[in-house]
Amino acid sequence: MTLAAIDVGRLFELAWASVLAGIAVAFCFSLVIVGAARAQDCRRNRRAGSATAYAALSVLAGVVFIGIAVFAISVITTK
């Protein structure tokens, strides 16, 4: 009977990397939602400067979110 050799260091690296990636993705997408919602509220209350800032936050967070997703897919397909 052959037992699988488990590299504990690599397993630990996988665990912390997946937790960190999950937190980063959730945080970026939450910024997309918050930015879009606050921009809409500011537009409704006629605060153009704040609305623009929140819209920019939403767009920037969306770009980062898409970048993380593309990077993750490229890592998955190359390994």
PDB file of N, CA and C in Angstrom:
ATOM      1  N   MET A   1       0.847  -1.165   0.000  1.00  0.00           N
ATOM      2  CA  MET A   1       0.000   0.000   0.000  1.00  0.00           C
ATOM      3  C   MET A   1       0.903   1.243   0.000  1.00  0.00           C
ATOM      4  N   THR A   2       0.595   2.176  -0.879  1.00  0.00           N
ATOM      5  CA  THR A   2       1.380   3.399  -0.990  1.00  0.00           C
ATOM      6  C   THR A   2       0.586   4.560  -0.397  1.00  0.00           C
ATOM      7  N   LEU A   3       1.211   5.254   0.521  1.00  0.00           N
ATOM      8  CA  LEU A   3       0.583   6.430   1.115  1.00  0.00           C
ATOM      9  C   LEU A   3       1.060   7.673   0.368  1.00  0.00           C
ATOM     10  N   ALA A   4       0.192   8.610   0.209  1.00  0.00           N
ATOM     11  CA  ALA A   4       0.540   9.838  -0.512  1.00  0.00           C
ATOM     12  C   ALA A   4       1.462  10.697   0.339  1.00  0.00           C
ATOM     13  N   ALA A   5       2.472  11.222  -0.290  1.00  0.00           N
ATOM     14  CA  ALA A   5       3.373  12.138   0.394  1.00  0.00           C
ATOM     15  C   ALA A   5       2.771  13.538   0.335  1.00  0.00           C
ATOM     16  N   ILE A   6       2.557  14.118   1.480  1.00  0.00           N
ATOM     17  CA  ILE A   6       1.927  15.428   1.550  1.00  0.00           C
ATOM     18  C   ILE A   6       2.973  16.451   1.969  1.00  0.00           C
ATOM     19  N   ASP A   7       3.141  17.471   1.143  1.00  0.00           N
ATOM     20  CA  ASP A   7       4.046  18.569   1.463  1.00  0.00           C
ATOM     21  C   ASP A   7       3.255  19.587   2.271  1.00  0.00           C
ATOM     22  N   VAL A   8       3.482  19.605   3.571  1.00  0.00           N
ATOM     23  CA  VAL A   8       2.704  20.441   4.476  1.00  0.00           C
ATOM     24  C   VAL A   8       2.933  21.923   4.181  1.00  0.00           C
ATOM     25  N   GLY A   9       4.140  22.284   3.799  1.00  0.00           N
ATOM     26  CA  GLY A   9       4.436  23.681   3.487  1.00  0.00           C
ATOM     27  C   GLY A   9       3.616  24.186   2.320  1.00  0.00           C
ATOM     28  N   ARG A  10       3.530  23.386   1.270  1.00  0.00           N
ATOM     29  CA  ARG A  10       2.732  23.786   0.100  1.00  0.00           C
ATOM     30  C   ARG A  10       1.241  23.800   0.423  1.00  0.00           C
ATOM     31  N   LEU A  11       0.817  22.884   1.275  1.00  0.00           N
ATOM     32  CA  LEU A  11      -0.583  22.853   1.684  1.00  0.00           C
ATOM     33  C   LEU A  11      -0.935  24.107   2.486  1.00  0.00           C
ATOM     34  N   PHE A  12      -0.033  24.517   3.381  1.00  0.00           N
ATOM     35  CA  PHE A  12      -0.245  25.731   4.155  1.00  0.00           C
ATOM     36  C   PHE A  12      -0.253  26.952   3.238  1.00  0.00           C
ATOM     37  N   GLU A  13       0.633  26.976   2.241  1.00  0.00           N
ATOM     38  CA  GLU A  13       0.665  28.080   1.283  1.00  0.00           C
ATOM     39  C   GLU A  13      -0.647  28.166   0.511  1.00  0.00           C
ATOM     40  N   LEU A  14      -1.178  27.042   0.104  1.00  0.00           N
ATOM     41  CA  LEU A  14      -2.461  27.008  -0.593  1.00  0.00           C
ATOM     42  C   LEU A  14      -3.577  27.552   0.291  1.00  0.00           C
ATOM     43  N   ALA A  15      -3.566  27.193   1.565  1.00  0.00           N
ATOM     44  CA  ALA A  15      -4.617  27.626   2.485  1.00  0.00           C
ATOM     45  C   ALA A  15      -4.601  29.140   2.675  1.00  0.00           C
ATOM     46  N   TRP A  16      -3.423  29.713   2.963  1.00  0.00           N
ATOM     47  CA  TRP A  16      -3.411  31.151   3.221  1.00  0.00           C
ATOM     48  C   TRP A  16      -3.622  31.950   1.939  1.00  0.00           C
ATOM     49  N   ALA A  17      -3.145  31.445   0.800  1.00  0.00           N
ATOM     50  CA  ALA A  17      -3.335  32.158  -0.457  1.00  0.00           C
ATOM     51  C   ALA A  17      -4.811  32.179  -0.853  1.00  0.00           C
ATOM     52  N   SER A  18      -5.507  31.076  -0.628  1.00  0.00           N
ATOM     53  CA  SER A  18      -6.925  31.041  -0.987  1.00  0.00           C
ATOM     54  C   SER A  18      -7.754  31.940  -0.072  1.00  0.00           C
ATOM     55  N   VAL A  19      -7.411  32.005   1.202  1.00  0.00           N
ATOM     56  CA  VAL A  19      -8.115  32.897   2.123  1.00  0.00           C
ATOM     57  C   VAL A  19      -7.877  34.355   1.726  1.00  0.00           C
ATOM     58  N   LEU A  20      -6.622  34.688   1.437  1.00  0.00           N
ATOM     59  CA  LEU A  20      -6.294  36.050   1.033  1.00  0.00           C
ATOM     60  C   LEU A  20      -6.982  36.438  -0.277  1.00  0.00           C
ATOM     61  N   ALA A  21      -7.015  35.531  -1.229  1.00  0.00           N
ATOM     62  CA  ALA A  21      -7.677  35.803  -2.502  1.00  0.00           C
ATOM     63  C   ALA A  21      -9.187  35.977  -2.316  1.00  0.00           C
ATOM     64  N   GLY A  22      -9.782  35.167  -1.480  1.00  0.00           N
ATOM     65  CA  GLY A  22     -11.214  35.296  -1.216  1.00  0.00           C
ATOM     66  C   GLY A  22     -11.566  36.624  -0.577  1.00  0.00           C
ATOM     67  N   ILE A  23     -10.745  37.062   0.359  1.00  0.00           N
ATOM     68  CA  ILE A  23     -10.979  38.353   1.010  1.00  0.00           C
ATOM     69  C   ILE A  23     -10.803  39.490   0.011  1.00  0.00           C
ATOM     70  N   ALA A  24      -9.777  39.412  -0.831  1.00  0.00           N
ATOM     71  CA  ALA A  24      -9.522  40.469  -1.818  1.00  0.00           C
ATOM     72  C   ALA A  24     -10.663  40.576  -2.825  1.00  0.00           C
ATOM     73  N   VAL A  25     -11.150  39.456  -3.303  1.00  0.00           N
ATOM     74  CA  VAL A  25     -12.247  39.466  -4.278  1.00  0.00           C
ATOM     75  C   VAL A  25     -13.516  40.028  -3.644  1.00  0.00           C
ATOM     76  N   ALA A  26     -13.827  39.595  -2.436  1.00  0.00           N
ATOM     77  CA  ALA A  26     -15.033  40.086  -1.761  1.00  0.00           C
ATOM     78  C   ALA A  26     -14.934  41.582  -1.477  1.00  0.00           C
ATOM     79  N   PHE A  27     -13.760  42.039  -1.061  1.00  0.00           N
ATOM     80  CA  PHE A  27     -13.570  43.454  -0.761  1.00  0.00           C
ATOM     81  C   PHE A  27     -13.706  44.306  -2.019  1.00  0.00           C
ATOM     82  N   CYS A  28     -13.086  43.875  -3.107  1.00  0.00           N
ATOM     83  CA  CYS A  28     -13.168  44.639  -4.359  1.00  0.00           C
ATOM     84  C   CYS A  28     -14.604  44.712  -4.867  1.00  0.00           C
ATOM     85  N   PHE A  29     -15.306  43.609  -4.847  1.00  0.00           N
ATOM     86  CA  PHE A  29     -16.680  43.631  -5.351  1.00  0.00           C
ATOM     87  C   PHE A  29     -17.591  44.446  -4.438  1.00  0.00           C
ATOM     88  N   SER A  30     -17.333  44.432  -3.133  1.00  0.00           N
ATOM     89  CA  SER A  30     -18.138  45.253  -2.235  1.00  0.00           C
ATOM     90  C   SER A  30     -17.900  46.737  -2.503  1.00  0.00           C
ATOM     91  N   LEU A  31     -16.660  47.111  -2.879  1.00  0.00           N
ATOM     92  CA  LEU A  31     -16.398  48.503  -3.241  1.00  0.00           C
ATOM     93  C   LEU A  31     -17.125  48.897  -4.522  1.00  0.00           C
ATOM     94  N   VAL A  32     -17.269  47.962  -5.445  1.00  0.00           N
ATOM     95  CA  VAL A  32     -18.044  48.228  -6.661  1.00  0.00           C
ATOM     96  C   VAL A  32     -19.488  48.561  -6.289  1.00  0.00           C
ATOM     97  N   ILE A  33     -20.072  47.763  -5.431  1.00  0.00           N
ATOM     98  CA  ILE A  33     -21.469  47.961  -5.041  1.00  0.00           C
ATOM     99  C   ILE A  33     -21.642  49.244  -4.238  1.00  0.00           C
ATOM    100  N   VAL A  34     -20.765  49.469  -3.259  1.00  0.00           N
ATOM    101  CA  VAL A  34     -20.872  50.668  -2.427  1.00  0.00           C
ATOM    102  C   VAL A  34     -20.676  51.923  -3.268  1.00  0.00           C
ATOM    103  N   GLY A  35     -19.680  51.909  -4.142  1.00  0.00           N
ATOM    104  CA  GLY A  35     -19.430  53.074  -4.983  1.00  0.00           C
ATOM    105  C   GLY A  35     -20.601  53.399  -5.891  1.00  0.00           C
ATOM    106  N   ALA A  36     -21.184  52.375  -6.492  1.00  0.00           N
ATOM    107  CA  ALA A  36     -22.324  52.601  -7.383  1.00  0.00           C
ATOM    108  C   ALA A  36     -23.546  53.107  -6.609  1.00  0.00           C
ATOM    109  N   ALA A  37     -23.804  52.534  -5.451  1.00  0.00           N
ATOM    110  CA  ALA A  37     -24.964  52.951  -4.657  1.00  0.00           C
ATOM    111  C   ALA A  37     -24.802  54.378  -4.140  1.00  0.00           C
ATOM    112  N   ARG A  38     -23.612  54.682  -3.630  1.00  0.00           N
ATOM    113  CA  ARG A  38     -23.387  56.039  -3.118  1.00  0.00           C
ATOM    114  C   ARG A  38     -23.381  57.071  -4.242  1.00  0.00           C
ATOM    115  N   ALA A  39     -22.860  56.704  -5.407  1.00  0.00           N
ATOM    116  CA  ALA A  39     -22.876  57.632  -6.536  1.00  0.00           C
ATOM    117  C   ALA A  39     -24.314  57.961  -6.929  1.00  0.00           C
ATOM    118  N   GLN A  40     -25.158  56.958  -6.929  1.00  0.00           N
ATOM    119  CA  GLN A  40     -26.573  57.191  -7.255  1.00  0.00           C
ATOM    120  C   GLN A  40     -27.230  58.087  -6.213  1.00  0.00           C
ATOM    121  N   ASP A  41     -26.950  57.858  -4.939  1.00  0.00           N
ATOM    122  CA  ASP A  41     -27.505  58.709  -3.884  1.00  0.00           C
ATOM    123  C   ASP A  41     -27.024  60.145  -4.026  1.00  0.00           C
ATOM    124  N   CYS A  42     -25.747  60.325  -4.328  1.00  0.00           N
ATOM    125  CA  CYS A  42     -25.209  61.676  -4.478  1.00  0.00           C
ATOM    126  C   CYS A  42     -25.800  62.373  -5.695  1.00  0.00           C
ATOM    127  N   ARG A  43     -25.998  61.637  -6.782  1.00  0.00           N
ATOM    128  CA  ARG A  43     -26.628  62.235  -7.956  1.00  0.00           C
ATOM    129  C   ARG A  43     -28.055  62.664  -7.642  1.00  0.00           C
ATOM    130  N   ARG A  44     -28.758  61.840  -6.897  1.00  0.00           N
ATOM    131  CA  ARG A  44     -30.138  62.166  -6.530  1.00  0.00           C
ATOM    132  C   ARG A  44     -30.193  63.423  -5.665  1.00  0.00           C
ATOM    133  N   ASN A  45     -29.178  63.621  -4.811  1.00  0.00           N
ATOM    134  CA  ASN A  45     -29.137  64.789  -3.922  1.00  0.00           C
ATOM    135  C   ASN A  45     -28.359  65.953  -4.534  1.00  0.00           C
ATOM    136  N   ARG A  46     -28.051  65.851  -5.807  1.00  0.00           N
ATOM    137  CA  ARG A  46     -27.375  66.899  -6.581  1.00  0.00           C
ATOM    138  C   ARG A  46     -26.018  67.282  -6.006  1.00  0.00           C
ATOM    139  N   ARG A  47     -25.236  66.281  -5.675  1.00  0.00           N
ATOM    140  CA  ARG A  47     -23.849  66.504  -5.250  1.00  0.00           C
ATOM    141  C   ARG A  47     -22.961  65.875  -6.315  1.00  0.00           C
ATOM    142  N   ALA A  48     -22.654  66.653  -7.327  1.00  0.00           N
ATOM    143  CA  ALA A  48     -21.950  66.126  -8.507  1.00  0.00           C
ATOM    144  C   ALA A  48     -20.530  65.694  -8.193  1.00  0.00           C
ATOM    145  N   GLY A  49     -19.840  66.444  -7.366  1.00  0.00           N
ATOM    146  CA  GLY A  49     -18.454  66.096  -7.044  1.00  0.00           C
ATOM    147  C   GLY A  49     -18.347  64.765  -6.317  1.00  0.00           C
ATOM    148  N   SER A  50     -19.185  64.584  -5.323  1.00  0.00           N
ATOM    149  CA  SER A  50     -19.188  63.316  -4.581  1.00  0.00           C
ATOM    150  C   SER A  50     -19.636  62.168  -5.463  1.00  0.00           C
ATOM    151  N   ALA A  51     -20.605  62.420  -6.318  1.00  0.00           N
ATOM    152  CA  ALA A  51     -21.090  61.377  -7.215  1.00  0.00           C
ATOM    153  C   ALA A  51     -19.987  60.923  -8.158  1.00  0.00           C
ATOM    154  N   THR A  52     -19.213  61.871  -8.665  1.00  0.00           N
ATOM    155  CA  THR A  52     -18.109  61.525  -9.559  1.00  0.00           C
ATOM    156  C   THR A  52     -17.048  60.717  -8.829  1.00  0.00           C
ATOM    157  N   ALA A  53     -16.736  61.113  -7.592  1.00  0.00           N
ATOM    158  CA  ALA A  53     -15.728  60.387  -6.814  1.00  0.00           C
ATOM    159  C   ALA A  53     -16.176  58.955  -6.533  1.00  0.00           C
ATOM    160  N   TYR A  54     -17.433  58.789  -6.140  1.00  0.00           N
ATOM    161  CA  TYR A  54     -17.936  57.431  -5.872  1.00  0.00           C
ATOM    162  C   TYR A  54     -18.023  56.594  -7.150  1.00  0.00           C
ATOM    163  N   ALA A  55     -18.370  57.223  -8.259  1.00  0.00           N
ATOM    164  CA  ALA A  55     -18.411  56.495  -9.527  1.00  0.00           C
ATOM    165  C   ALA A  55     -17.009  56.057  -9.931  1.00  0.00           C
ATOM    166  N   ALA A  56     -16.022  56.932  -9.707  1.00  0.00           N
ATOM    167  CA  ALA A  56     -14.637  56.573 -10.012  1.00  0.00           C
ATOM    168  C   ALA A  56     -14.169  55.424  -9.123  1.00  0.00           C
ATOM    169  N   LEU A  57     -14.557  55.448  -7.847  1.00  0.00           N
ATOM    170  CA  LEU A  57     -14.224  54.342  -6.942  1.00  0.00           C
ATOM    171  C   LEU A  57     -14.825  53.039  -7.446  1.00  0.00           C
ATOM    172  N   SER A  58     -16.066  53.105  -7.887  1.00  0.00           N
ATOM    173  CA  SER A  58     -16.753  51.917  -8.376  1.00  0.00           C
ATOM    174  C   SER A  58     -16.076  51.362  -9.631  1.00  0.00           C
ATOM    175  N   VAL A  59     -15.715  52.240 -10.548  1.00  0.00           N
ATOM    176  CA  VAL A  59     -15.064  51.802 -11.783  1.00  0.00           C
ATOM    177  C   VAL A  59     -13.683  51.219 -11.492  1.00  0.00           C
ATOM    178  N   LEU A  60     -12.911  51.896 -10.639  1.00  0.00           N
ATOM    179  CA  LEU A  60     -11.578  51.406 -10.296  1.00  0.00           C
ATOM    180  C   LEU A  60     -11.648  50.040  -9.606  1.00  0.00           C
ATOM    181  N   ALA A  61     -12.576  49.896  -8.675  1.00  0.00           N
ATOM    182  CA  ALA A  61     -12.727  48.610  -7.992  1.00  0.00           C
ATOM    183  C   ALA A  61     -13.192  47.526  -8.969  1.00  0.00           C
ATOM    184  N   GLY A  62     -14.022  47.894  -9.931  1.00  0.00           N
ATOM    185  CA  GLY A  62     -14.449  46.930 -10.947  1.00  0.00           C
ATOM    186  C   GLY A  62     -13.309  46.471 -11.821  1.00  0.00           C
ATOM    187  N   VAL A  63     -12.420  47.404 -12.171  1.00  0.00           N
ATOM    188  CA  VAL A  63     -11.245  47.034 -12.970  1.00  0.00           C
ATOM    189  C   VAL A  63     -10.326  46.102 -12.182  1.00  0.00           C
ATOM    190  N   VAL A  64     -10.124  46.406 -10.906  1.00  0.00           N
ATOM    191  CA  VAL A  64      -9.297  45.537 -10.066  1.00  0.00           C
ATOM    192  C   VAL A  64      -9.937  44.166  -9.922  1.00  0.00           C
ATOM    193  N   PHE A  65     -11.248  44.131  -9.741  1.00  0.00           N
ATOM    194  CA  PHE A  65     -11.963  42.865  -9.616  1.00  0.00           C
ATOM    195  C   PHE A  65     -11.809  42.010 -10.876  1.00  0.00           C
ATOM    196  N   ILE A  66     -11.973  42.631 -12.029  1.00  0.00           N
ATOM    197  CA  ILE A  66     -11.809  41.893 -13.289  1.00  0.00           C
ATOM    198  C   ILE A  66     -10.364  41.441 -13.457  1.00  0.00           C
ATOM    199  N   GLY A  67      -9.420  42.284 -13.045  1.00  0.00           N
ATOM    200  CA  GLY A  67      -8.011  41.899 -13.109  1.00  0.00           C
ATOM    201  C   GLY A  67      -7.698  40.693 -12.242  1.00  0.00           C
ATOM    202  N   ILE A  68      -8.264  40.653 -11.052  1.00  0.00           N
ATOM    203  CA  ILE A  68      -8.065  39.500 -10.170  1.00  0.00           C
ATOM    204  C   ILE A  68      -8.657  38.246 -10.804  1.00  0.00           C
ATOM    205  N   ALA A  69      -9.831  38.374 -11.392  1.00  0.00           N
ATOM    206  CA  ALA A  69     -10.473  37.220 -12.025  1.00  0.00           C
ATOM    207  C   ALA A  69      -9.658  36.708 -13.213  1.00  0.00           C
ATOM    208  N   VAL A  70      -9.145  37.625 -14.026  1.00  0.00           N
ATOM    209  CA  VAL A  70      -8.330  37.221 -15.183  1.00  0.00           C
ATOM    210  C   VAL A  70      -7.045  36.559 -14.718  1.00  0.00           C
ATOM    211  N   PHE A  71      -6.414  37.134 -13.696  1.00  0.00           N
ATOM    212  CA  PHE A  71      -5.190  36.535 -13.157  1.00  0.00           C
ATOM    213  C   PHE A  71      -5.454  35.128 -12.613  1.00  0.00           C
ATOM    214  N   ALA A  72      -6.560  34.967 -11.894  1.00  0.00           N
ATOM    215  CA  ALA A  72      -6.899  33.660 -11.336  1.00  0.00           C
ATOM    216  C   ALA A  72      -7.139  32.628 -12.425  1.00  0.00           C
ATOM    217  N   ILE A  73      -7.828  33.028 -13.479  1.00  0.00           N
ATOM    218  CA  ILE A  73      -8.080  32.103 -14.584  1.00  0.00           C
ATOM    219  C   ILE A  73      -6.778  31.728 -15.287  1.00  0.00           C
ATOM    220  N   SER A  74      -5.876  32.703 -15.433  1.00  0.00           N
ATOM    221  CA  SER A  74      -4.599  32.397 -16.078  1.00  0.00           C
ATOM    222  C   SER A  74      -3.749  31.460 -15.222  1.00  0.00           C
ATOM    223  N   VAL A  75      -3.806  31.611 -13.910  1.00  0.00           N
ATOM    224  CA  VAL A  75      -3.074  30.700 -13.019  1.00  0.00           C
ATOM    225  C   VAL A  75      -3.652  29.295 -13.112  1.00  0.00           C
ATOM    226  N   ILE A  76      -4.974  29.198 -13.125  1.00  0.00           N
ATOM    227  CA  ILE A  76      -5.628  27.890 -13.183  1.00  0.00           C
ATOM    228  C   ILE A  76      -5.296  27.169 -14.493  1.00  0.00           C
ATOM    229  N   THR A  77      -5.290  27.901 -15.599  1.00  0.00           N
ATOM    230  CA  THR A  77      -5.086  27.255 -16.899  1.00  0.00           C
ATOM    231  C   THR A  77      -3.629  26.904 -17.162  1.00  0.00           C
ATOM    232  N   THR A  78      -2.690  27.561 -16.485  1.00  0.00           N
ATOM    233  CA  THR A  78      -1.280  27.252 -16.739  1.00  0.00           C
ATOM    234  C   THR A  78      -0.733  26.168 -15.833  1.00  0.00           C
ATOM    235  N   LYS A  79      -1.432  25.792 -14.807  1.00  0.00           N
ATOM    236  CA  LYS A  79      -0.911  24.764 -13.901  1.00  0.00           C
ATOM    237  C   LYS A  79      -1.550  23.433 -14.142  1.00  0.00           C
TER     238      LYS A  79
END
